[in-house]
Amino acid sequence: MASGKVCVLAAVCALVILTTLISSTDSASCCLRYTRRPLPCKRLLGYSIQTINTSCDINAIIFHLQGRFVCADPSMQWTQRAMKCLDEMERRKNQIIEEQIHGNSTSA
């Protein structure tokens, strides 16, 4: 019974985080320049991709940190490494949730 509650709680938390990130990136303005400093993966919460369009003049990766956004050059090696790190963290999180869901469905 407790593991079912943990699974539901994890799913709700993931949904809240995803909703928050999506809504917060909608209000972010376009990047006009890139940061010069590499950011450590452990400080990053997520990222979104900005492409050149009528309102944005440069391609950029917008890293989400607590309370702010940082624009990075997508061609820089550190930017690509940070994106891979975040993708791997997301993959692991989803794998854990998936294992909890399948583990709970077989025991019920």
C-alpha atoms as a PDB file:
ATOM      1  CA  MET A   1       0.000   0.000   0.000  1.00  0.00           C
ATOM      2  CA  ALA A   2       2.771   2.440   0.901  1.00  0.00           C
ATOM      3  CA  SER A   3       4.630   1.753  -2.357  1.00  0.00           C
ATOM      4  CA  GLY A   4       1.485   2.671  -4.297  1.00  0.00           C
ATOM      5  CA  LYS A   5       1.376   6.016  -2.523  1.00  0.00           C
ATOM      6  CA  VAL A   6       5.058   6.587  -3.328  1.00  0.00           C
ATOM      7  CA  CYS A   7       4.406   5.881  -6.999  1.00  0.00           C
ATOM      8  CA  VAL A   8       1.456   8.264  -7.143  1.00  0.00           C
ATOM      9  CA  LEU A   9       3.426  10.926  -5.283  1.00  0.00           C
ATOM     10  CA  ALA A  10       6.366  10.558  -7.693  1.00  0.00           C
ATOM     11  CA  ALA A  11       4.068  10.859 -10.712  1.00  0.00           C
ATOM     12  CA  VAL A  12       2.351  13.955  -9.291  1.00  0.00           C
ATOM     13  CA  CYS A  13       5.723  15.575  -8.481  1.00  0.00           C
ATOM     14  CA  ALA A  14       6.997  14.883 -11.999  1.00  0.00           C
ATOM     15  CA  LEU A  15       3.840  16.400 -13.488  1.00  0.00           C
ATOM     16  CA  VAL A  16       4.095  19.529 -11.314  1.00  0.00           C
ATOM     17  CA  ILE A  17       7.763  20.023 -12.233  1.00  0.00           C
ATOM     18  CA  LEU A  18       7.067  19.519 -15.935  1.00  0.00           C
ATOM     19  CA  THR A  19       4.126  21.941 -15.868  1.00  0.00           C
ATOM     20  CA  THR A  20       6.194  24.549 -14.024  1.00  0.00           C
ATOM     21  CA  LEU A  21       9.079  24.299 -16.474  1.00  0.00           C
ATOM     22  CA  ILE A  22       6.818  24.527 -19.520  1.00  0.00           C
ATOM     23  CA  SER A  23       4.894  27.532 -18.213  1.00  0.00           C
ATOM     24  CA  SER A  24       8.044  29.338 -17.095  1.00  0.00           C
ATOM     25  CA  THR A  25       9.786  28.933 -20.454  1.00  0.00           C
ATOM     26  CA  ASP A  26       6.772  30.424 -22.242  1.00  0.00           C
ATOM     27  CA  SER A  27       7.318  33.704 -20.418  1.00  0.00           C
ATOM     28  CA  ALA A  28      11.094  33.782 -20.918  1.00  0.00           C
ATOM     29  CA  SER A  29      12.260  36.349 -23.444  1.00  0.00           C
ATOM     30  CA  CYS A  30      14.708  35.626 -26.240  1.00  0.00           C
ATOM     31  CA  CYS A  31      18.385  35.205 -25.556  1.00  0.00           C
ATOM     32  CA  LEU A  32      20.414  38.092 -26.933  1.00  0.00           C
ATOM     33  CA  ARG A  33      23.845  36.814 -25.916  1.00  0.00           C
ATOM     34  CA  TYR A  34      25.503  33.751 -24.412  1.00  0.00           C
ATOM     35  CA  THR A  35      27.063  33.215 -21.020  1.00  0.00           C
ATOM     36  CA  ARG A  36      30.830  32.815 -21.048  1.00  0.00           C
ATOM     37  CA  ARG A  37      30.934  30.583 -17.982  1.00  0.00           C
ATOM     38  CA  PRO A  38      30.233  26.866 -18.126  1.00  0.00           C
ATOM     39  CA  LEU A  39      27.509  25.780 -15.717  1.00  0.00           C
ATOM     40  CA  PRO A  40      27.812  22.653 -13.554  1.00  0.00           C
ATOM     41  CA  CYS A  41      25.160  20.055 -14.314  1.00  0.00           C
ATOM     42  CA  LYS A  42      24.224  19.681 -10.646  1.00  0.00           C
ATOM     43  CA  ARG A  43      22.873  23.268 -10.595  1.00  0.00           C
ATOM     44  CA  LEU A  44      20.709  22.819 -13.698  1.00  0.00           C
ATOM     45  CA  LEU A  45      17.014  21.962 -13.490  1.00  0.00           C
ATOM     46  CA  GLY A  46      16.352  21.625 -17.209  1.00  0.00           C
ATOM     47  CA  TYR A  47      16.751  23.339 -20.551  1.00  0.00           C
ATOM     48  CA  SER A  48      14.813  24.542 -23.558  1.00  0.00           C
ATOM     49  CA  ILE A  49      15.917  25.237 -27.099  1.00  0.00           C
ATOM     50  CA  GLN A  50      15.608  28.649 -28.738  1.00  0.00           C
ATOM     51  CA  THR A  51      15.771  28.772 -32.523  1.00  0.00           C
ATOM     52  CA  ILE A  52      16.111  31.754 -34.791  1.00  0.00           C
ATOM     53  CA  ASN A  53      12.683  33.130 -35.691  1.00  0.00           C
ATOM     54  CA  THR A  54      10.955  36.466 -36.164  1.00  0.00           C
ATOM     55  CA  SER A  55      11.433  37.454 -32.518  1.00  0.00           C
ATOM     56  CA  CYS A  56      14.725  35.706 -31.630  1.00  0.00           C
ATOM     57  CA  ASP A  57      17.951  36.524 -33.462  1.00  0.00           C
ATOM     58  CA  ILE A  58      20.198  33.692 -32.234  1.00  0.00           C
ATOM     59  CA  ASN A  59      20.016  29.960 -31.621  1.00  0.00           C
ATOM     60  CA  ALA A  60      20.512  29.218 -27.949  1.00  0.00           C
ATOM     61  CA  ILE A  61      20.104  26.656 -25.225  1.00  0.00           C
ATOM     62  CA  ILE A  62      18.250  28.183 -22.286  1.00  0.00           C
ATOM     63  CA  PHE A  63      19.333  26.443 -19.096  1.00  0.00           C
ATOM     64  CA  HIS A  64      16.843  26.545 -16.225  1.00  0.00           C
ATOM     65  CA  LEU A  65      18.345  27.224 -12.822  1.00  0.00           C
ATOM     66  CA  GLN A  66      16.550  27.954  -9.593  1.00  0.00           C
ATOM     67  CA  GLY A  67      15.090  31.438 -10.013  1.00  0.00           C
ATOM     68  CA  ARG A  68      16.699  32.297 -13.348  1.00  0.00           C
ATOM     69  CA  PHE A  69      17.529  31.309 -16.917  1.00  0.00           C
ATOM     70  CA  VAL A  70      20.958  31.303 -18.551  1.00  0.00           C
ATOM     71  CA  CYS A  71      21.553  31.394 -22.303  1.00  0.00           C
ATOM     72  CA  ALA A  72      24.297  29.219 -23.763  1.00  0.00           C
ATOM     73  CA  ASP A  73      25.827  28.744 -27.200  1.00  0.00           C
ATOM     74  CA  PRO A  74      24.548  25.410 -28.570  1.00  0.00           C
ATOM     75  CA  SER A  75      27.803  24.847 -30.469  1.00  0.00           C
ATOM     76  CA  MET A  76      29.960  24.930 -27.325  1.00  0.00           C
ATOM     77  CA  GLN A  77      31.173  21.586 -26.005  1.00  0.00           C
ATOM     78  CA  TRP A  78      30.267  22.364 -22.383  1.00  0.00           C
ATOM     79  CA  THR A  79      26.707  23.212 -23.462  1.00  0.00           C
ATOM     80  CA  GLN A  80      26.333  19.877 -25.230  1.00  0.00           C
ATOM     81  CA  ARG A  81      27.769  18.022 -22.221  1.00  0.00           C
ATOM     82  CA  ALA A  82      25.337  19.794 -19.877  1.00  0.00           C
ATOM     83  CA  MET A  83      22.402  18.890 -22.130  1.00  0.00           C
ATOM     84  CA  LYS A  84      23.502  15.235 -22.190  1.00  0.00           C
ATOM     85  CA  CYS A  85      23.842  15.267 -18.410  1.00  0.00           C
ATOM     86  CA  LEU A  86      20.310  16.632 -17.995  1.00  0.00           C
ATOM     87  CA  ASP A  87      18.927  14.156 -20.544  1.00  0.00           C
ATOM     88  CA  GLU A  88      20.572  11.291 -18.649  1.00  0.00           C
ATOM     89  CA  MET A  89      19.170  12.518 -15.316  1.00  0.00           C
ATOM     90  CA  GLU A  90      15.694  12.698 -16.874  1.00  0.00           C
ATOM     91  CA  ARG A  91      16.087   9.209 -18.360  1.00  0.00           C
ATOM     92  CA  ARG A  92      17.087   7.769 -14.975  1.00  0.00           C
ATOM     93  CA  LYS A  93      14.196   9.512 -13.221  1.00  0.00           C
ATOM     94  CA  ASN A  94      11.729   8.137 -15.772  1.00  0.00           C
ATOM     95  CA  GLN A  95      13.250   4.663 -15.453  1.00  0.00           C
ATOM     96  CA  ILE A  96      12.774   4.722 -11.669  1.00  0.00           C
ATOM     97  CA  ILE A  97       9.152   5.839 -12.034  1.00  0.00           C
ATOM     98  CA  GLU A  98       8.565   3.162 -14.687  1.00  0.00           C
ATOM     99  CA  GLU A  99      10.034   0.466 -12.414  1.00  0.00           C
ATOM    100  CA  GLN A 100       7.839   1.631  -9.531  1.00  0.00           C
ATOM    101  CA  ILE A 101       4.726   1.546 -11.700  1.00  0.00           C
ATOM    102  CA  HIS A 102       5.433  -1.902 -13.136  1.00  0.00           C
ATOM    103  CA  GLY A 103       6.571  -3.229  -9.770  1.00  0.00           C
ATOM    104  CA  ASN A 104       3.338  -2.065  -8.150  1.00  0.00           C
ATOM    105  CA  SER A 105       1.058  -3.377 -10.902  1.00  0.00           C
ATOM    106  CA  THR A 106       2.420  -6.925 -10.573  1.00  0.00           C
ATOM    107  CA  SER A 107       2.042  -6.996  -6.778  1.00  0.00           C
ATOM    108  CA  ALA A 108      -1.580  -5.783  -6.766  1.00  0.00           C
END
